[in-house]
Amino acid sequence: MSQTGGDDNDDDDIPYPISIINGYTVSKVRFADTKAMERVARAAQSVFRVSDRRRKQVPAVALLINVLHAAIPHGIRTAHFCQGGVREGFLFRELTPSVRAKDPLEAATQNVAPASAPTIYTMLMFSFPEPSSRSRFLGAIGAHVIRAFANMLYVHAVMDKELASASALYSTSTGLLSSTRGVSHEDRARLALMLESRYMGELPPREVRFREALRRVITPEEVWWAAYLGRVGYLISRLYPSVTVDESKPRLTLSSEWAVDLGKGKTRRV
């Protein structure tokens, strides 16, 4: 597996970290490379989550992909994979429009959210500096991911620091949110990295490799912002260890600005 916009993440050193079909995305080039798909189907003795019966259907699937690629005027830019059947679709259709419109991450984390989650979300949003002529916050980390982060800010707090960091890192791929449908792999990686950074625990080598694999799913800028938000979340959790944020008695007001070269003896530039 590999993601759009990045190098192949399915190498021997750091395998692709998220073994979930739902939310997986590939680029036009990867999706249209049906020859490679047929080679893998012929050569591999087994393919993860693909039965022998399905492997025999690969040539037919490849033909369908080629026809689709040729029929669409500008081709397929990206391909997003889902995971579900007729039963899931029927049940989803039975839900009210207001429920269907909810973001999956926000809905899935609502049952673990503290009462102060909306206030925590507001504080997190205030931690971003105002856009300048040179810099601005990346909108790729959407508000729904930050709301989910606010909802889950204290979920692993009862654990030891190192265990909390590791558990938080896996929470979106094999833990609490692994069965949540409709979440992109990029959003899973962003939220996992934010939660891991929030606990600031030291990771063992295996988890360090997994974290590096998650970082490859998103851009370097997004990795930086995920770590930044995690640190802000850590600060909030230290100031409000009881989970309750009393808005009438604020303990924290966040402000920030863009700057570079703030090291010792260097000139600040905002």
Foldseek 3Di string as FASTA:
>chain_A
DAAPPFDQLPDPQFHQQFPDLFQGKHFQVVLLPLVVVLVCLVPDPDDPPADVVNSVCSVVVNVVQVVQQVPDPVGDGMDGGFDDDPVVVVVLVPDDPVVNPDDLLLVLLVVQADPCLVVVLVQLVQQFADDDPVDHQDCPLDSSLSSSCSSCLCVLVVDDLAVQLLCLLCCCRPRSNNPGHDDHLLSSLLNSLLRNLLSPHDYDPVSVSSNVSSCSRDDPSSSVVSNVSSVVSNVVCVVCVVSDADPVDHPDDHHDHDWPQPDPPGDIDD
